[in-house]
N, C-alpha and C. Protein backbone atom coordinates (compact mmCIF):
# COMPACT_ATOMS: atom_id res chain seq x y z
N MET A 1 8.31 14.60 -43.35
CA MET A 1 8.60 15.39 -42.16
C MET A 1 10.02 15.08 -41.70
N THR A 2 10.77 16.09 -41.44
CA THR A 2 12.15 15.95 -40.99
C THR A 2 12.20 16.12 -39.48
N ILE A 3 12.89 15.19 -38.84
CA ILE A 3 13.05 15.28 -37.40
C ILE A 3 14.36 16.00 -37.11
N THR A 4 14.24 17.04 -36.32
CA THR A 4 15.44 17.81 -35.99
C THR A 4 15.96 17.43 -34.61
N LYS A 5 17.20 17.79 -34.37
CA LYS A 5 17.80 17.54 -33.05
C LYS A 5 17.01 18.28 -31.98
N GLU A 6 16.55 19.47 -32.30
CA GLU A 6 15.76 20.27 -31.35
C GLU A 6 14.46 19.55 -30.98
N THR A 7 13.79 18.99 -31.97
CA THR A 7 12.56 18.24 -31.72
C THR A 7 12.83 17.05 -30.81
N LEU A 8 13.89 16.32 -31.11
CA LEU A 8 14.24 15.15 -30.29
C LEU A 8 14.64 15.55 -28.88
N ASP A 9 15.36 16.65 -28.75
CA ASP A 9 15.75 17.13 -27.41
C ASP A 9 14.52 17.48 -26.58
N LYS A 10 13.53 18.14 -27.20
CA LYS A 10 12.30 18.48 -26.48
C LYS A 10 11.54 17.22 -26.07
N LYS A 11 11.49 16.26 -26.99
CA LYS A 11 10.79 15.01 -26.70
C LYS A 11 11.50 14.27 -25.56
N LEU A 12 12.81 14.23 -25.60
CA LEU A 12 13.59 13.58 -24.55
C LEU A 12 13.38 14.26 -23.20
N GLU A 13 13.34 15.56 -23.20
CA GLU A 13 13.10 16.31 -21.96
C GLU A 13 11.73 15.96 -21.38
N THR A 14 10.72 15.93 -22.25
CA THR A 14 9.37 15.58 -21.82
C THR A 14 9.33 14.15 -21.25
N LEU A 15 9.99 13.24 -21.95
CA LEU A 15 10.01 11.84 -21.48
C LEU A 15 10.70 11.72 -20.13
N ASN A 16 11.80 12.43 -19.94
CA ASN A 16 12.49 12.39 -18.66
C ASN A 16 11.64 12.97 -17.54
N GLN A 17 10.90 14.02 -17.82
CA GLN A 17 10.00 14.60 -16.82
C GLN A 17 8.89 13.61 -16.47
N ASN A 18 8.35 12.95 -17.47
CA ASN A 18 7.29 11.96 -17.25
C ASN A 18 7.81 10.78 -16.44
N LYS A 19 9.05 10.41 -16.71
CA LYS A 19 9.67 9.30 -15.97
C LYS A 19 9.76 9.64 -14.49
N VAL A 20 10.17 10.85 -14.17
CA VAL A 20 10.29 11.28 -12.78
C VAL A 20 8.92 11.24 -12.10
N VAL A 21 7.89 11.70 -12.80
CA VAL A 21 6.52 11.69 -12.25
C VAL A 21 6.08 10.26 -11.94
N VAL A 22 6.31 9.35 -12.87
CA VAL A 22 5.90 7.96 -12.67
C VAL A 22 6.70 7.32 -11.54
N GLU A 23 8.00 7.61 -11.46
CA GLU A 23 8.81 7.07 -10.36
C GLU A 23 8.28 7.57 -9.01
N ASP A 24 7.89 8.83 -8.94
CA ASP A 24 7.32 9.38 -7.70
C ASP A 24 6.01 8.68 -7.35
N ARG A 25 5.19 8.44 -8.36
CA ARG A 25 3.91 7.74 -8.11
C ARG A 25 4.15 6.34 -7.59
N ILE A 26 5.12 5.66 -8.17
CA ILE A 26 5.45 4.30 -7.72
C ILE A 26 5.92 4.33 -6.27
N LYS A 27 6.80 5.26 -5.94
CA LYS A 27 7.31 5.36 -4.57
C LYS A 27 6.18 5.63 -3.59
N THR A 28 5.30 6.56 -3.94
CA THR A 28 4.17 6.87 -3.08
C THR A 28 3.26 5.64 -2.92
N SER A 29 3.01 4.95 -4.02
CA SER A 29 2.16 3.76 -3.96
C SER A 29 2.78 2.68 -3.10
N GLN A 30 4.09 2.51 -3.21
CA GLN A 30 4.76 1.50 -2.38
C GLN A 30 4.64 1.85 -0.90
N ASP A 31 4.77 3.13 -0.57
CA ASP A 31 4.61 3.56 0.82
C ASP A 31 3.20 3.28 1.33
N VAL A 32 2.21 3.57 0.50
CA VAL A 32 0.81 3.33 0.88
C VAL A 32 0.57 1.84 1.10
N ILE A 33 1.10 1.02 0.21
CA ILE A 33 0.93 -0.43 0.34
C ILE A 33 1.62 -0.94 1.60
N ARG A 34 2.82 -0.44 1.88
CA ARG A 34 3.55 -0.84 3.08
C ARG A 34 2.74 -0.51 4.33
N LYS A 35 2.16 0.69 4.37
CA LYS A 35 1.36 1.11 5.53
C LYS A 35 0.08 0.28 5.63
N ALA A 36 -0.54 0.00 4.49
CA ALA A 36 -1.77 -0.80 4.49
C ALA A 36 -1.47 -2.21 4.98
N ASN A 37 -0.34 -2.78 4.57
CA ASN A 37 0.04 -4.11 5.04
C ASN A 37 0.28 -4.11 6.55
N ALA A 38 0.89 -3.06 7.06
CA ALA A 38 1.10 -2.95 8.51
C ALA A 38 -0.24 -2.88 9.23
N ASP A 39 -1.18 -2.09 8.70
CA ASP A 39 -2.52 -2.01 9.29
C ASP A 39 -3.21 -3.37 9.26
N LEU A 40 -3.10 -4.05 8.13
CA LEU A 40 -3.73 -5.37 7.99
C LEU A 40 -3.14 -6.36 8.99
N ASN A 41 -1.83 -6.32 9.17
CA ASN A 41 -1.20 -7.21 10.16
C ASN A 41 -1.67 -6.90 11.57
N ALA A 42 -1.82 -5.62 11.89
CA ALA A 42 -2.31 -5.24 13.21
C ALA A 42 -3.74 -5.72 13.43
N ILE A 43 -4.57 -5.57 12.43
CA ILE A 43 -5.97 -6.02 12.52
C ILE A 43 -6.01 -7.54 12.66
N SER A 44 -5.20 -8.24 11.88
CA SER A 44 -5.18 -9.71 11.97
C SER A 44 -4.74 -10.15 13.36
N GLY A 45 -3.76 -9.47 13.92
CA GLY A 45 -3.32 -9.78 15.28
C GLY A 45 -4.42 -9.57 16.30
N ALA A 46 -5.15 -8.47 16.15
CA ALA A 46 -6.26 -8.19 17.07
C ALA A 46 -7.36 -9.23 16.94
N ILE A 47 -7.62 -9.67 15.72
CA ILE A 47 -8.63 -10.72 15.49
C ILE A 47 -8.20 -12.01 16.19
N GLN A 48 -6.92 -12.36 16.05
CA GLN A 48 -6.43 -13.58 16.71
C GLN A 48 -6.57 -13.50 18.22
N VAL A 49 -6.24 -12.33 18.79
CA VAL A 49 -6.35 -12.16 20.24
C VAL A 49 -7.81 -12.32 20.66
N CYS A 50 -8.72 -11.67 19.95
CA CYS A 50 -10.15 -11.78 20.29
C CYS A 50 -10.63 -13.22 20.18
N GLU A 51 -10.24 -13.91 19.11
CA GLU A 51 -10.66 -15.31 18.95
C GLU A 51 -10.10 -16.18 20.06
N GLN A 52 -8.86 -15.91 20.45
CA GLN A 52 -8.27 -16.69 21.54
C GLN A 52 -8.99 -16.42 22.86
N LEU A 53 -9.29 -15.14 23.13
CA LEU A 53 -10.00 -14.80 24.36
C LEU A 53 -11.40 -15.43 24.38
N ILE A 54 -12.08 -15.41 23.25
CA ILE A 54 -13.40 -16.03 23.17
C ILE A 54 -13.32 -17.53 23.46
N SER A 55 -12.29 -18.19 22.90
CA SER A 55 -12.17 -19.63 23.10
C SER A 55 -11.82 -19.99 24.55
N GLU A 56 -11.27 -19.02 25.29
CA GLU A 56 -10.88 -19.29 26.68
C GLU A 56 -11.99 -18.96 27.68
N ILE A 57 -13.08 -18.36 27.24
CA ILE A 57 -14.18 -18.04 28.15
C ILE A 57 -14.90 -19.34 28.51
N PRO A 58 -15.04 -19.61 29.81
CA PRO A 58 -15.74 -20.83 30.22
C PRO A 58 -17.19 -20.82 29.73
N VAL A 59 -17.71 -22.00 29.44
CA VAL A 59 -19.07 -22.13 28.94
C VAL A 59 -20.07 -21.56 29.93
N SER A 60 -19.86 -21.76 31.23
CA SER A 60 -20.80 -21.26 32.23
C SER A 60 -20.83 -19.73 32.21
N GLU A 61 -19.73 -19.08 31.95
CA GLU A 61 -19.68 -17.63 31.90
C GLU A 61 -20.41 -17.10 30.68
N GLU A 62 -20.36 -17.86 29.55
CA GLU A 62 -21.05 -17.44 28.33
C GLU A 62 -22.55 -17.37 28.55
N LYS A 63 -23.07 -18.31 29.34
CA LYS A 63 -24.52 -18.38 29.56
C LYS A 63 -25.01 -17.22 30.43
N ASN A 64 -24.14 -16.62 31.24
CA ASN A 64 -24.53 -15.54 32.13
C ASN A 64 -24.70 -14.22 31.39
N ASP A 65 -24.11 -14.08 30.20
CA ASP A 65 -24.19 -12.82 29.45
C ASP A 65 -25.49 -12.64 28.87
């Protein structure tokens, strides 16, 4: 089988198109991960606040609930 310049040009074009698709997927995935990390940090902060508030409730007040 002989490989022609035309065949290689088509293959190169396909590879470049695939590269762009993968780069877009990576960028989208990075954005999703960044947002998920921000959500996780917010949740962790809320957990810390709740734990701190719980630890500050007097024992006598806990018994009244």
